[in-house]
Amino acid sequence: MELERAQRTVLDGVGVPAYELPYLGDGADIAGLYRLAKELRRQGVGA
């Protein structure tokens, strides 16, 4: 968790967009890909 927090700080300093995606514990099947796409749209990607 500490590494993730540190890397978020680095990305914030660069000024590029970053997005949060859920972990796909069952692998990347078509339903999981749709779930990721829906989350990206919710966060404003492609708008």
Protein backbone atom coordinates (compact mmCIF):
# COMPACT_ATOMS: atom_id res chain seq x y z
CA MET A 1 0.00 0.00 0.00
CA GLU A 2 2.88 2.35 0.76
CA LEU A 3 4.36 1.86 -2.73
CA GLU A 4 0.98 2.57 -4.33
CA ARG A 5 0.63 5.77 -2.33
CA ALA A 6 4.14 6.89 -3.30
CA GLN A 7 3.50 6.21 -6.98
CA ARG A 8 0.22 8.15 -6.87
CA THR A 9 2.17 11.12 -5.54
CA VAL A 10 4.63 10.83 -8.43
CA LEU A 11 1.81 10.65 -10.99
CA ASP A 12 0.05 13.63 -9.42
CA GLY A 13 3.24 15.64 -9.86
CA VAL A 14 3.51 14.76 -13.56
CA GLY A 15 0.08 16.21 -14.30
CA VAL A 16 -1.27 13.44 -16.50
CA PRO A 17 -4.68 11.86 -15.97
CA ALA A 18 -4.84 8.71 -13.88
CA TYR A 19 -7.80 6.38 -13.48
CA GLU A 20 -8.83 3.87 -10.84
CA LEU A 21 -9.90 0.46 -12.09
CA PRO A 22 -11.22 -2.46 -10.07
CA TYR A 23 -9.22 -5.65 -9.70
CA LEU A 24 -10.53 -8.45 -11.92
CA GLY A 25 -10.01 -11.40 -9.61
CA ASP A 26 -11.62 -13.87 -12.03
CA GLY A 27 -9.48 -12.85 -15.00
CA ALA A 28 -10.20 -10.67 -18.01
CA ASP A 29 -13.28 -12.18 -19.60
CA ILE A 30 -15.72 -10.17 -21.72
CA ALA A 31 -17.85 -9.25 -18.69
CA GLY A 32 -14.75 -7.95 -16.91
CA LEU A 33 -13.75 -5.88 -19.92
CA TYR A 34 -17.20 -4.32 -20.04
CA ARG A 35 -16.92 -3.60 -16.34
CA LEU A 36 -13.59 -1.82 -16.88
CA ALA A 37 -15.01 0.13 -19.83
CA LYS A 38 -18.01 1.22 -17.77
CA GLU A 39 -15.73 2.41 -14.97
CA LEU A 40 -13.53 4.34 -17.40
CA ARG A 41 -16.59 6.05 -18.88
CA ARG A 42 -17.79 6.89 -15.37
CA GLN A 43 -14.43 8.58 -14.75
CA GLY A 44 -14.75 10.66 -17.92
CA VAL A 45 -12.65 8.77 -20.46
CA GLY A 46 -14.03 9.22 -23.97
CA ALA A 47 -16.32 12.08 -22.98
